[in-house]
Protein backbone atom coordinates (compact mmCIF):
# COMPACT_ATOMS: atom_id res chain seq x y z
CA MET A 1 -12.12 22.93 -11.15
CA LYS A 2 -13.98 20.08 -12.35
CA ALA A 3 -14.53 21.37 -16.14
CA LEU A 4 -10.80 22.02 -16.64
CA SER A 5 -10.16 18.58 -15.00
CA LYS A 6 -12.36 17.57 -18.20
CA VAL A 7 -10.61 20.08 -20.65
CA LEU A 8 -7.31 18.36 -19.66
CA ARG A 9 -7.97 15.27 -19.80
CA ALA A 10 -9.47 15.20 -23.61
CA LYS A 11 -6.85 16.88 -24.92
CA TYR A 12 -4.36 14.86 -22.94
CA VAL A 13 -5.98 12.06 -24.15
CA CYS A 14 -6.28 13.49 -27.82
CA MET A 15 -2.77 14.41 -27.96
CA LEU A 16 -2.20 10.55 -26.87
CA ARG A 17 -4.37 9.22 -29.19
CA GLU A 18 -2.07 10.96 -32.14
CA LYS A 19 1.33 10.79 -30.38
CA VAL A 20 1.05 6.39 -29.62
CA ILE A 21 0.32 3.90 -30.79
CA ALA A 22 -2.00 2.28 -28.84
CA GLU A 23 -5.30 -0.08 -27.59
CA LYS A 24 -8.39 0.94 -27.86
CA PRO A 25 -9.03 -0.05 -24.13
CA LEU A 26 -6.17 0.94 -23.09
CA ILE A 27 -7.44 4.64 -24.31
CA GLU A 28 -10.67 4.23 -23.65
CA SER A 29 -9.88 3.57 -19.71
CA LEU A 30 -8.10 6.81 -19.59
CA PHE A 31 -11.96 7.85 -19.30
CA GLU A 32 -12.84 5.57 -16.52
CA LYS A 33 -11.50 7.60 -13.85
CA ASP A 34 -12.16 11.14 -12.95
CA TRP A 35 -9.16 13.37 -13.27
CA VAL A 36 -8.16 15.88 -10.50
CA VAL A 37 -6.28 19.05 -11.23
CA TYR A 38 -5.43 21.88 -8.42
CA ALA A 39 -4.94 24.88 -8.84
CA LYS A 40 -4.91 28.22 -7.52
CA ARG A 41 -4.89 31.74 -7.94
CA PRO A 42 -1.50 34.29 -8.87
CA PHE A 43 0.20 35.80 -7.14
CA GLY A 44 -0.15 39.08 -8.97
CA GLY A 45 -1.48 38.71 -11.89
CA PRO A 46 -0.53 36.84 -15.40
CA LYS A 47 2.83 38.40 -15.74
CA GLN A 48 4.28 36.79 -12.84
CA VAL A 49 2.39 34.14 -13.87
CA ILE A 50 4.38 32.71 -16.93
CA GLU A 51 7.68 34.46 -15.56
CA TYR A 52 7.61 32.40 -12.22
CA LEU A 53 7.11 29.05 -14.65
CA GLY A 54 9.90 30.02 -16.33
CA ARG A 55 12.88 30.77 -13.96
CA TYR A 56 11.07 27.69 -11.51
CA THR A 57 9.51 25.15 -13.31
CA PRO A 58 12.13 23.13 -15.57
CA LYS A 59 15.31 23.82 -13.37
CA ILE A 60 17.25 24.82 -10.16
CA ALA A 61 18.67 28.69 -9.73
CA ILE A 62 22.41 26.71 -10.65
CA GLY A 63 23.37 23.13 -10.24
CA ASN A 64 27.00 21.75 -8.13
CA HIS A 65 28.19 20.88 -11.59
CA ARG A 66 28.24 24.49 -13.69
CA LEU A 67 30.48 25.49 -9.87
CA GLN A 68 34.13 25.50 -11.07
CA GLU A 69 35.54 26.31 -8.81
CA VAL A 70 36.39 28.46 -5.17
CA ASN A 71 38.05 30.52 -3.04
CA ASN A 72 38.39 32.94 -0.63
CA GLU A 73 37.78 36.00 -2.52
CA GLN A 74 34.98 34.46 -5.56
CA THR A 75 32.72 31.68 -7.10
CA VAL A 76 34.06 30.98 -10.27
CA PHE A 77 30.95 29.21 -12.45
CA ALA A 78 29.90 27.79 -15.65
CA TYR A 79 26.77 29.42 -18.05
CA LYS A 80 25.63 29.29 -21.37
CA ASP A 81 24.96 32.33 -23.02
CA TYR A 82 22.57 33.02 -25.58
CA LYS A 83 23.72 36.62 -26.62
CA THR A 84 26.58 34.31 -28.34
CA GLY A 85 24.16 31.20 -29.70
CA GLY A 86 24.58 29.26 -26.70
CA ALA A 87 28.51 29.13 -25.66
CA LYS A 88 29.37 27.28 -22.82
CA LYS A 89 30.99 30.30 -20.60
CA GLN A 90 32.76 31.46 -17.60
CA THR A 91 32.72 33.62 -15.09
CA ALA A 92 33.76 35.43 -11.61
CA LEU A 93 32.11 36.93 -8.63
CA ILE A 94 33.05 37.92 -5.72
CA HIS A 95 31.14 35.56 -2.51
CA ALA A 96 28.45 38.64 -1.62
CA GLU A 97 27.72 38.96 -5.70
CA PHE A 98 27.18 35.55 -5.82
CA ILE A 99 25.11 34.86 -2.85
CA ARG A 100 22.51 37.89 -4.09
CA ARG A 101 21.58 36.46 -7.38
CA PHE A 102 21.40 32.76 -5.65
CA ALA A 103 19.34 34.74 -2.99
CA MET A 104 17.16 36.25 -6.58
CA HIS A 105 15.75 32.82 -7.43
CA ILE A 106 14.66 32.25 -3.21
CA PRO A 107 10.90 32.35 -3.85
CA PRO A 108 8.85 34.65 -1.76
CA LEU A 109 7.16 33.30 1.63
CA ARG A 110 3.96 30.85 0.50
CA PHE A 111 4.99 30.60 -3.31
CA VAL A 112 5.44 27.00 -4.16
CA ARG A 113 7.18 25.43 -7.09
CA ILE A 114 5.93 23.42 -8.92
CA ARG A 115 6.02 19.29 -8.38
CA HIS A 116 4.92 16.62 -9.88
CA TYR A 117 2.62 14.63 -9.45
CA ARG A 118 1.10 10.57 -10.92
CA ILE A 119 1.83 9.94 -14.46
CA VAL A 120 5.36 12.90 -14.31
CA SER A 121 5.87 12.24 -10.64
CA SER A 122 9.49 9.92 -10.54
CA THR A 123 7.56 7.43 -7.83
CA TRP A 124 4.61 6.79 -10.57
CA LYS A 125 7.60 5.78 -13.05
CA ARG A 126 9.18 3.37 -11.61
CA LYS A 127 6.23 1.40 -10.31
CA LYS A 128 4.05 1.71 -12.78
CA PHE A 129 6.65 2.15 -15.94
CA LYS A 130 7.07 -1.53 -16.70
CA GLU A 131 3.49 -1.55 -16.58
CA LEU A 132 3.26 0.72 -19.77
CA ARG A 133 5.67 -1.42 -22.22
CA GLN A 134 3.97 -3.96 -21.45
CA CYS A 135 0.83 -2.27 -22.50
CA LEU A 136 1.96 -0.40 -25.64
CA GLN A 137 4.04 -3.74 -26.22
CA LEU A 138 7.49 -1.44 -26.14
CA GLN A 139 10.39 -4.32 -25.75
CA GLU A 140 12.93 -3.19 -22.93
CA ILE A 141 15.78 -1.75 -23.86
CA LYS A 142 18.93 -3.85 -22.96
CA PRO A 143 22.79 -2.03 -21.39
CA VAL A 144 25.17 -2.63 -24.58
CA VAL A 145 28.27 -2.86 -23.08
CA LYS A 146 28.83 -4.16 -19.73
CA ILE A 147 31.80 -2.33 -17.35
CA MET A 148 33.44 -4.31 -15.07
CA LEU A 149 34.43 -1.63 -12.20
CA HIS A 150 37.37 -4.10 -10.67
CA LYS A 151 39.19 -3.88 -13.84
CA CYS A 152 42.54 -2.26 -12.86
CA PRO A 153 42.47 -0.11 -15.05
CA CYS A 154 46.20 0.90 -15.57
CA CYS A 155 46.56 -2.48 -16.56
CA LYS A 156 43.58 -3.45 -17.77
CA ALA A 157 43.77 -7.43 -16.48
CA GLY A 158 43.96 -7.63 -12.73
CA THR A 159 41.05 -7.74 -10.59
CA MET A 160 41.11 -4.73 -7.42
CA ARG A 161 39.02 -5.02 -4.41
CA THR A 162 37.95 -2.53 -1.51
CA ILE A 163 40.11 -2.07 1.35
CA GLU A 164 39.00 0.85 2.32
CA VAL A 165 35.35 2.07 2.98
CA PHE A 166 35.04 6.05 3.62
CA GLY A 167 32.21 7.47 6.29
CA LYS A 168 29.73 10.20 4.84
CA CYS A 169 32.13 12.33 5.51
CA GLY A 170 34.33 11.30 2.72
CA PRO A 171 37.91 10.28 2.81
CA PRO A 172 40.93 12.11 4.98
CA LYS A 173 41.89 14.53 4.43
CA GLU A 174 45.82 12.55 3.56
CA TYR A 175 43.91 10.47 0.88
CA LEU A 176 42.45 13.67 -0.72
CA PHE A 177 46.47 14.28 -2.10
CA ALA A 178 47.51 11.69 -1.87
CA VAL A 179 49.60 10.68 -4.88
CA PRO A 180 48.45 7.94 -7.10
CA ARG A 181 51.49 4.98 -6.96
CA SER A 182 50.38 2.22 -9.15
CA THR A 183 50.99 -1.17 -8.44
CA CYS A 184 51.15 -2.75 -11.24
């Protein structure tokens, strides 16, 4: 693992030098600490590793935003058809088939998904991103448009006030199907 750690560090820093304009002390400081790489023997062989990485590294099985409709008979969801150049399509499956296909994406017992650590982890990004911008002398990108959340969407002049806050369960059913009425 030590050899793998050194090779990874050298290749990563080399690519960083090519892609990012940074001061030499910053780049050299990356060699001051040992990098830790953790890897296990693959289950199966190279083919299984490639299949696993392709399925589980970049995404989850299906996101909620792709679910279009769920009723008593079927589940309708959106997908990209790569056979037709990535065209967005919809398909409907009976619930048993949808669950069967979804369950195919559940990893086997003791099969751990790859997670992001250190520089690519979201915690690290939140803590160190500002510091990294300063080291690289990058300016902070500020939002151009400010959105007035309390402005009335109907008349664009009045101010909206909060009259009720719902709990974690969401609004009561009578609010879900109520017909909106304009007070403008």
